[in-house]
C-alpha atoms as a PDB file:
ATOM      1  CA  UNK A   1     115.637  92.457  70.680  1.00  0.00           C
ATOM      2  CA  UNK A   2     113.453  94.638  72.917  1.00  0.00           C
ATOM      3  CA  UNK A   3     114.079  98.384  72.834  1.00  0.00           C
ATOM      4  CA  UNK A   4     113.952 100.411  76.061  1.00  0.00           C
ATOM      5  CA  UNK A   5     113.927 104.181  76.492  1.00  0.00           C
ATOM      6  CA  UNK A   6     115.301 105.299  79.875  1.00  0.00           C
ATOM      7  CA  UNK A   7     114.285 108.835  80.859  1.00  0.00           C
ATOM      8  CA  UNK A   8     115.882 110.364  83.961  1.00  0.00           C
ATOM      9  CA  UNK A   9     117.781 113.570  84.706  1.00  0.00           C
ATOM     10  CA  UNK A  10     120.158 111.700  87.034  1.00  0.00           C
ATOM     11  CA  UNK A  11     123.120 110.436  85.012  1.00  0.00           C
ATOM     12  CA  UNK A  12     123.981 107.704  87.518  1.00  0.00           C
ATOM     13  CA  UNK A  13     120.510 106.150  87.287  1.00  0.00           C
ATOM     14  CA  UNK A  14     120.448 106.227  83.484  1.00  0.00           C
ATOM     15  CA  UNK A  15     123.930 104.781  83.151  1.00  0.00           C
ATOM     16  CA  UNK A  16     123.356 102.096  85.778  1.00  0.00           C
ATOM     17  CA  UNK A  17     120.095 100.894  84.242  1.00  0.00           C
ATOM     18  CA  UNK A  18     121.473 101.104  80.701  1.00  0.00           C
ATOM     19  CA  UNK A  19     124.573  99.052  81.493  1.00  0.00           C
ATOM     20  CA  UNK A  20     122.575  96.345  83.235  1.00  0.00           C
ATOM     21  CA  UNK A  21     119.890  96.245  80.533  1.00  0.00           C
ATOM     22  CA  UNK A  22     122.447  96.069  77.711  1.00  0.00           C
ATOM     23  CA  UNK A  23     124.301  93.314  79.562  1.00  0.00           C
ATOM     24  CA  UNK A  24     121.051  91.314  79.481  1.00  0.00           C
ATOM     25  CA  UNK A  25     120.608  91.893  75.750  1.00  0.00           C
ATOM     26  CA  UNK A  26     118.250  94.884  75.588  1.00  0.00           C
ATOM     27  CA  UNK A  27     118.729  97.777  73.188  1.00  0.00           C
ATOM     28  CA  UNK A  28     118.677 101.026  75.172  1.00  0.00           C
ATOM     29  CA  UNK A  29     118.180 104.713  74.329  1.00  0.00           C
ATOM     30  CA  UNK A  30     118.453 107.582  76.832  1.00  0.00           C
ATOM     31  CA  UNK A  31     116.762 110.923  77.465  1.00  0.00           C
ATOM     32  CA  UNK A  32     117.589 113.491  80.145  1.00  0.00           C
ATOM     33  CA  UNK A  33     114.106 115.026  80.417  1.00  0.00           C
ATOM     34  CA  UNK A  34     110.528 114.732  79.235  1.00  0.00           C
ATOM     35  CA  UNK A  35     110.924 116.950  76.195  1.00  0.00           C
ATOM     36  CA  UNK A  36     113.789 114.856  74.866  1.00  0.00           C
ATOM     37  CA  UNK A  37     111.768 111.690  75.508  1.00  0.00           C
ATOM     38  CA  UNK A  38     108.768 113.010  73.547  1.00  0.00           C
ATOM     39  CA  UNK A  39     111.050 113.937  70.658  1.00  0.00           C
ATOM     40  CA  UNK A  40     112.692 110.494  70.597  1.00  0.00           C
ATOM     41  CA  UNK A  41     109.308 108.740  70.622  1.00  0.00           C
ATOM     42  CA  UNK A  42     108.220 110.757  67.600  1.00  0.00           C
ATOM     43  CA  UNK A  43     111.248 109.471  65.694  1.00  0.00           C
ATOM     44  CA  UNK A  44     111.396 105.858  66.894  1.00  0.00           C
ATOM     45  CA  UNK A  45     109.388 103.068  68.503  1.00  0.00           C
ATOM     46  CA  UNK A  46     110.149 101.432  71.844  1.00  0.00           C
ATOM     47  CA  UNK A  47     108.849  98.338  73.611  1.00  0.00           C
ATOM     48  CA  UNK A  48     108.778 100.063  77.000  1.00  0.00           C
ATOM     49  CA  UNK A  49     109.679 103.449  78.499  1.00  0.00           C
ATOM     50  CA  UNK A  50     111.247 103.823  81.963  1.00  0.00           C
ATOM     51  CA  UNK A  51     110.173 107.342  82.947  1.00  0.00           C
ATOM     52  CA  UNK A  52     111.227 109.429  85.951  1.00  0.00           C
ATOM     53  CA  UNK A  53     108.619 111.796  87.428  1.00  0.00           C
ATOM     54  CA  UNK A  54     110.596 114.829  88.613  1.00  0.00           C
ATOM     55  CA  UNK A  55     112.671 116.274  85.768  1.00  0.00           C
ATOM     56  CA  UNK A  56     113.526 119.747  84.434  1.00  0.00           C
ATOM     57  CA  UNK A  57     111.751 121.322  81.428  1.00  0.00           C
ATOM     58  CA  UNK A  58     109.022 118.643  81.269  1.00  0.00           C
ATOM     59  CA  UNK A  59     108.049 116.259  84.076  1.00  0.00           C
ATOM     60  CA  UNK A  60     107.366 112.570  83.543  1.00  0.00           C
ATOM     61  CA  UNK A  61     103.573 112.779  83.850  1.00  0.00           C
ATOM     62  CA  UNK A  62     103.349 115.452  81.149  1.00  0.00           C
ATOM     63  CA  UNK A  63     105.748 113.527  78.917  1.00  0.00           C
ATOM     64  CA  UNK A  64     103.654 110.349  79.213  1.00  0.00           C
ATOM     65  CA  UNK A  65     100.486 112.224  78.262  1.00  0.00           C
ATOM     66  CA  UNK A  66     102.201 113.723  75.216  1.00  0.00           C
ATOM     67  CA  UNK A  67     103.619 110.378  74.084  1.00  0.00           C
ATOM     68  CA  UNK A  68     100.267 108.599  74.557  1.00  0.00           C
ATOM     69  CA  UNK A  69      98.636 111.044  72.125  1.00  0.00           C
ATOM     70  CA  UNK A  70     100.407 109.328  69.231  1.00  0.00           C
ATOM     71  CA  UNK A  71     101.832 106.011  70.483  1.00  0.00           C
ATOM     72  CA  UNK A  72     100.655 103.348  72.892  1.00  0.00           C
ATOM     73  CA  UNK A  73     104.019 102.482  74.467  1.00  0.00           C
ATOM     74  CA  UNK A  74     103.982 100.795  77.902  1.00  0.00           C
ATOM     75  CA  UNK A  75     105.482 102.941  80.673  1.00  0.00           C
ATOM     76  CA  UNK A  76     107.228 102.042  83.926  1.00  0.00           C
ATOM     77  CA  UNK A  77     107.295 105.134  86.129  1.00  0.00           C
ATOM     78  CA  UNK A  78     110.143 105.955  88.522  1.00  0.00           C
ATOM     79  CA  UNK A  79     109.752 108.338  91.445  1.00  0.00           C
ATOM     80  CA  UNK A  80     111.544 109.328  94.638  1.00  0.00           C
ATOM     81  CA  UNK A  81     108.097 109.836  96.148  1.00  0.00           C
ATOM     82  CA  UNK A  82     105.738 107.053  97.124  1.00  0.00           C
ATOM     83  CA  UNK A  83     102.569 108.994  97.902  1.00  0.00           C
ATOM     84  CA  UNK A  84      99.286 107.440  96.765  1.00  0.00           C
ATOM     85  CA  UNK A  85      98.434 110.614  94.828  1.00  0.00           C
ATOM     86  CA  UNK A  86     101.460 110.173  92.551  1.00  0.00           C
ATOM     87  CA  UNK A  87     100.551 106.557  91.859  1.00  0.00           C
ATOM     88  CA  UNK A  88      96.908 107.398  91.212  1.00  0.00           C
ATOM     89  CA  UNK A  89      97.822 110.203  88.839  1.00  0.00           C
ATOM     90  CA  UNK A  90     100.339 107.976  87.080  1.00  0.00           C
ATOM     91  CA  UNK A  91      97.760 105.269  86.447  1.00  0.00           C
ATOM     92  CA  UNK A  92      95.275 107.903  85.279  1.00  0.00           C
ATOM     93  CA  UNK A  93      97.668 109.102  82.559  1.00  0.00           C
ATOM     94  CA  UNK A  94      98.218 105.512  81.421  1.00  0.00           C
ATOM     95  CA  UNK A  95     101.354 104.079  83.037  1.00  0.00           C
ATOM     96  CA  UNK A  96     101.645 100.298  83.439  1.00  0.00           C
ATOM     97  CA  UNK A  97     103.711 100.059  86.624  1.00  0.00           C
ATOM     98  CA  UNK A  98     105.325 102.238  89.302  1.00  0.00           C
ATOM     99  CA  UNK A  99     108.639 101.890  91.155  1.00  0.00           C
ATOM    100  CA  UNK A 100     109.703 104.064  94.080  1.00  0.00           C
ATOM    101  CA  UNK A 101     113.332 105.101  94.448  1.00  0.00           C
ATOM    102  CA  UNK A 102     115.699 103.748  95.665  1.00  0.00           C
ATOM    103  CA  UNK A 103     115.353 100.545  93.647  1.00  0.00           C
ATOM    104  CA  UNK A 104     117.561  97.775  92.351  1.00  0.00           C
ATOM    105  CA  UNK A 105     118.259  97.410  88.597  1.00  0.00           C
ATOM    106  CA  UNK A 106     117.227  93.749  88.921  1.00  0.00           C
ATOM    107  CA  UNK A 107     113.741  94.706  90.086  1.00  0.00           C
ATOM    108  CA  UNK A 108     113.312  97.279  87.318  1.00  0.00           C
ATOM    109  CA  UNK A 109     114.425  94.823  84.627  1.00  0.00           C
ATOM    110  CA  UNK A 110     112.118  92.141  86.066  1.00  0.00           C
ATOM    111  CA  UNK A 111     109.171  94.529  85.817  1.00  0.00           C
ATOM    112  CA  UNK A 112     110.202  95.552  82.296  1.00  0.00           C
ATOM    113  CA  UNK A 113     110.234  91.916  81.197  1.00  0.00           C
ATOM    114  CA  UNK A 114     106.767  91.359  82.591  1.00  0.00           C
ATOM    115  CA  UNK A 115     105.425  94.451  80.806  1.00  0.00           C
ATOM    116  CA  UNK A 116     106.991  93.429  77.489  1.00  0.00           C
ATOM    117  CA  UNK A 117     105.762  89.832  77.757  1.00  0.00           C
ATOM    118  CA  UNK A 118     102.260  90.946  78.680  1.00  0.00           C
ATOM    119  CA  UNK A 119     102.114  93.395  75.788  1.00  0.00           C
ATOM    120  CA  UNK A 120     103.313  90.715  73.350  1.00  0.00           C
ATOM    121  CA  UNK A 121     100.672  88.282  74.603  1.00  0.00           C
ATOM    122  CA  UNK A 122      97.983  90.941  74.251  1.00  0.00           C
ATOM    123  CA  UNK A 123      99.009  91.604  70.651  1.00  0.00           C
ATOM    124  CA  UNK A 124      98.873  87.883  69.876  1.00  0.00           C
ATOM    125  CA  UNK A 125      95.398  87.651  71.396  1.00  0.00           C
ATOM    126  CA  UNK A 126      94.194  90.631  69.369  1.00  0.00           C
ATOM    127  CA  UNK A 127      95.618  89.125  66.175  1.00  0.00           C
ATOM    128  CA  UNK A 128      94.054  85.753  66.876  1.00  0.00           C
ATOM    129  CA  UNK A 129      90.709  87.350  67.630  1.00  0.00           C
ATOM    130  CA  UNK A 130      90.769  89.322  64.398  1.00  0.00           C
ATOM    131  CA  UNK A 131      91.698  86.246  62.378  1.00  0.00           C
ATOM    132  CA  UNK A 132      88.926  84.189  63.944  1.00  0.00           C
ATOM    133  CA  UNK A 133      86.362  87.015  63.502  1.00  0.00           C
ATOM    134  CA  UNK A 134      84.886  86.385  66.907  1.00  0.00           C
ATOM    135  CA  UNK A 135      81.310  87.433  67.643  1.00  0.00           C
ATOM    136  CA  UNK A 136      80.819  90.917  69.030  1.00  0.00           C
ATOM    137  CA  UNK A 137      81.197  90.742  72.806  1.00  0.00           C
ATOM    138  CA  UNK A 138      79.080  93.351  74.549  1.00  0.00           C
ATOM    139  CA  UNK A 139      77.398  93.472  77.983  1.00  0.00           C
ATOM    140  CA  UNK A 140      74.712  95.835  79.227  1.00  0.00           C
ATOM    141  CA  UNK A 141      73.932  96.614  82.856  1.00  0.00           C
ATOM    142  CA  UNK A 142      71.088  99.101  82.775  1.00  0.00           C
ATOM    143  CA  UNK A 143      72.598 102.239  81.284  1.00  0.00           C
ATOM    144  CA  UNK A 144      76.137 100.885  81.469  1.00  0.00           C
ATOM    145  CA  UNK A 145      77.379  99.300  78.233  1.00  0.00           C
ATOM    146  CA  UNK A 146      80.674  97.420  78.203  1.00  0.00           C
ATOM    147  CA  UNK A 147      81.695  96.600  74.629  1.00  0.00           C
ATOM    148  CA  UNK A 148      84.744  94.355  74.923  1.00  0.00           C
ATOM    149  CA  UNK A 149      85.112  93.774  71.182  1.00  0.00           C
ATOM    150  CA  UNK A 150      85.119  97.488  70.400  1.00  0.00           C
ATOM    151  CA  UNK A 151      87.019  98.199  73.642  1.00  0.00           C
ATOM    152  CA  UNK A 152      84.593 100.907  74.667  1.00  0.00           C
ATOM    153  CA  UNK A 153      82.506 101.718  77.725  1.00  0.00           C
ATOM    154  CA  UNK A 154      79.438 103.959  77.741  1.00  0.00           C
ATOM    155  CA  UNK A 155      77.044 105.341  80.323  1.00  0.00           C
ATOM    156  CA  UNK A 156      73.919 106.020  78.335  1.00  0.00           C
ATOM    157  CA  UNK A 157      75.252 107.553  75.115  1.00  0.00           C
ATOM    158  CA  UNK A 158      78.266 109.137  76.801  1.00  0.00           C
ATOM    159  CA  UNK A 159      81.644 107.395  76.393  1.00  0.00           C
ATOM    160  CA  UNK A 160      83.670 106.625  79.510  1.00  0.00           C
ATOM    161  CA  UNK A 161      87.369 107.284  78.956  1.00  0.00           C
ATOM    162  CA  UNK A 162      89.569 104.777  80.773  1.00  0.00           C
ATOM    163  CA  UNK A 163      93.275 104.027  80.809  1.00  0.00           C
ATOM    164  CA  UNK A 164      94.411 100.820  79.041  1.00  0.00           C
ATOM    165  CA  UNK A 165      94.788  99.016  82.359  1.00  0.00           C
ATOM    166  CA  UNK A 166      91.367 100.169  83.583  1.00  0.00           C
ATOM    167  CA  UNK A 167      89.799  98.699  80.431  1.00  0.00           C
ATOM    168  CA  UNK A 168      91.630  95.413  81.010  1.00  0.00           C
ATOM    169  CA  UNK A 169      90.514  95.297  84.643  1.00  0.00           C
ATOM    170  CA  UNK A 170      86.865  96.141  83.909  1.00  0.00           C
ATOM    171  CA  UNK A 171      86.665  93.622  81.047  1.00  0.00           C
ATOM    172  CA  UNK A 172      88.066  90.864  83.246  1.00  0.00           C
ATOM    173  CA  UNK A 173      85.620  91.726  86.041  1.00  0.00           C
ATOM    174  CA  UNK A 174      82.685  91.743  83.620  1.00  0.00           C
ATOM    175  CA  UNK A 175      83.669  88.465  81.979  1.00  0.00           C
ATOM    176  CA  UNK A 176      83.830  86.914  85.450  1.00  0.00           C
ATOM    177  CA  UNK A 177      80.790  88.740  86.838  1.00  0.00           C
ATOM    178  CA  UNK A 178      79.159  87.422  90.000  1.00  0.00           C
ATOM    179  CA  UNK A 179      82.375  85.537  90.841  1.00  0.00           C
ATOM    180  CA  UNK A 180      84.562  86.416  93.839  1.00  0.00           C
ATOM    181  CA  UNK A 181      88.006  87.415  92.549  1.00  0.00           C
ATOM    182  CA  UNK A 182      90.974  87.697  94.894  1.00  0.00           C
ATOM    183  CA  UNK A 183      93.544  90.472  94.486  1.00  0.00           C
ATOM    184  CA  UNK A 184      96.141  87.819  93.699  1.00  0.00           C
ATOM    185  CA  UNK A 185      93.969  86.398  90.910  1.00  0.00           C
ATOM    186  CA  UNK A 186      93.382  89.859  89.467  1.00  0.00           C
ATOM    187  CA  UNK A 187      97.105  90.595  89.514  1.00  0.00           C
ATOM    188  CA  UNK A 188      97.850  87.303  87.806  1.00  0.00           C
ATOM    189  CA  UNK A 189      95.201  87.569  85.088  1.00  0.00           C
ATOM    190  CA  UNK A 190      95.053  91.322  84.444  1.00  0.00           C
ATOM    191  CA  UNK A 191      98.638  92.397  85.135  1.00  0.00           C
ATOM    192  CA  UNK A 192     100.188  89.030  84.327  1.00  0.00           C
ATOM    193  CA  UNK A 193     102.270  88.808  87.476  1.00  0.00           C
ATOM    194  CA  UNK A 194     102.036  88.706  91.257  1.00  0.00           C
ATOM    195  CA  UNK A 195     105.619  88.576  92.530  1.00  0.00           C
ATOM    196  CA  UNK A 196     106.782  92.073  91.616  1.00  0.00           C
ATOM    197  CA  UNK A 197     103.611  94.044  92.218  1.00  0.00           C
ATOM    198  CA  UNK A 198     101.996  95.105  95.467  1.00  0.00           C
ATOM    199  CA  UNK A 199      98.354  94.022  95.840  1.00  0.00           C
ATOM    200  CA  UNK A 200      97.546  97.669  96.568  1.00  0.00           C
ATOM    201  CA  UNK A 201      97.962  98.216  92.823  1.00  0.00           C
ATOM    202  CA  UNK A 202      94.616  96.441  92.404  1.00  0.00           C
ATOM    203  CA  UNK A 203      92.968  98.629  95.054  1.00  0.00           C
ATOM    204  CA  UNK A 204      94.305 101.776  93.391  1.00  0.00           C
ATOM    205  CA  UNK A 205      92.936 100.800  89.979  1.00  0.00           C
ATOM    206  CA  UNK A 206      89.574  99.764  91.460  1.00  0.00           C
ATOM    207  CA  UNK A 207      89.333 103.161  93.147  1.00  0.00           C
ATOM    208  CA  UNK A 208      89.965 104.985  89.850  1.00  0.00           C
ATOM    209  CA  UNK A 209      87.614 102.673  87.949  1.00  0.00           C
ATOM    210  CA  UNK A 210      84.784 103.275  90.401  1.00  0.00           C
ATOM    211  CA  UNK A 211      85.187 107.036  90.020  1.00  0.00           C
ATOM    212  CA  UNK A 212      84.998 106.635  86.230  1.00  0.00           C
ATOM    213  CA  UNK A 213      81.805 104.549  86.424  1.00  0.00           C
ATOM    214  CA  UNK A 214      79.944 107.198  88.436  1.00  0.00           C
ATOM    215  CA  UNK A 215      76.433 106.003  89.342  1.00  0.00           C
ATOM    216  CA  UNK A 216      77.358 102.457  88.290  1.00  0.00           C
ATOM    217  CA  UNK A 217      80.335 102.153  90.647  1.00  0.00           C
ATOM    218  CA  UNK A 218      78.312  99.900  92.995  1.00  0.00           C
ATOM    219  CA  UNK A 219      78.528  97.104  90.439  1.00  0.00           C
ATOM    220  CA  UNK A 220      82.062  96.580  91.768  1.00  0.00           C
ATOM    221  CA  UNK A 221      81.654  95.129  95.253  1.00  0.00           C
ATOM    222  CA  UNK A 222      84.478  94.908  97.779  1.00  0.00           C
ATOM    223  CA  UNK A 223      84.838  91.520  99.470  1.00  0.00           C
ATOM    224  CA  UNK A 224      86.552  92.212 102.766  1.00  0.00           C
ATOM    225  CA  UNK A 225      89.699  90.182 103.171  1.00  0.00           C
ATOM    226  CA  UNK A 226      89.309  88.624  99.714  1.00  0.00           C
ATOM    227  CA  UNK A 227      89.128  91.020  96.777  1.00  0.00           C
ATOM    228  CA  UNK A 228      86.309  92.140  94.498  1.00  0.00           C
ATOM    229  CA  UNK A 229      83.250  90.979  92.554  1.00  0.00           C
ATOM    230  CA  UNK A 230      81.403  92.571  89.645  1.00  0.00           C
ATOM    231  CA  UNK A 231      77.707  92.122  90.342  1.00  0.00           C
ATOM    232  CA  UNK A 232      75.243  91.866  87.466  1.00  0.00           C
ATOM    233  CA  UNK A 233      72.756  94.411  88.857  1.00  0.00           C
ATOM    234  CA  UNK A 234      70.102  95.331  86.325  1.00  0.00           C
END
């Protein structure tokens, strides 16, 4: 049974989501603010956190950063605001998905299921890879080193710190270098879904990834009207 932590200072939202999630068989815990959420995550593990942004005492962004210091729990962010800045900042701190209020409980639960399934599949892949002792998978593009096996990225000797989703996106682009990849294909293969996620999610992550790559950002080429391609420029 999957365990969900719902964090929101609005009682109606917490109760509504909890009732619907429990009806569908999920185990649900609640927190009224970020500080309570951080405390609960120190004491217990969850399969996914549904986190509001604007809350008293500690906001959602700060809470996510604190939780990520010790546990890699997927996060679905809730917000009454839909500005690009909020989404960009959310992805930078490591959230997996973003929903703007008002929303339907059905949509939130659908996104939660996708996140949980994707995380389970990733764990199975990691376990299978470890058992098979696959060869070290590393790619070099001039001074840019993408080590997929070690899950690290370096520019020269300096490590590039990326969010979990940015790593996934870059690794998929590199593995399929010099191939045109549509936004739909990226959503399907990196996020694991296409129905419940706006294609602008891809554009947002590409924008952040390019900033992280600095002088090597031009390896990621925009294909107007199609998507993106990682070019093997030496």
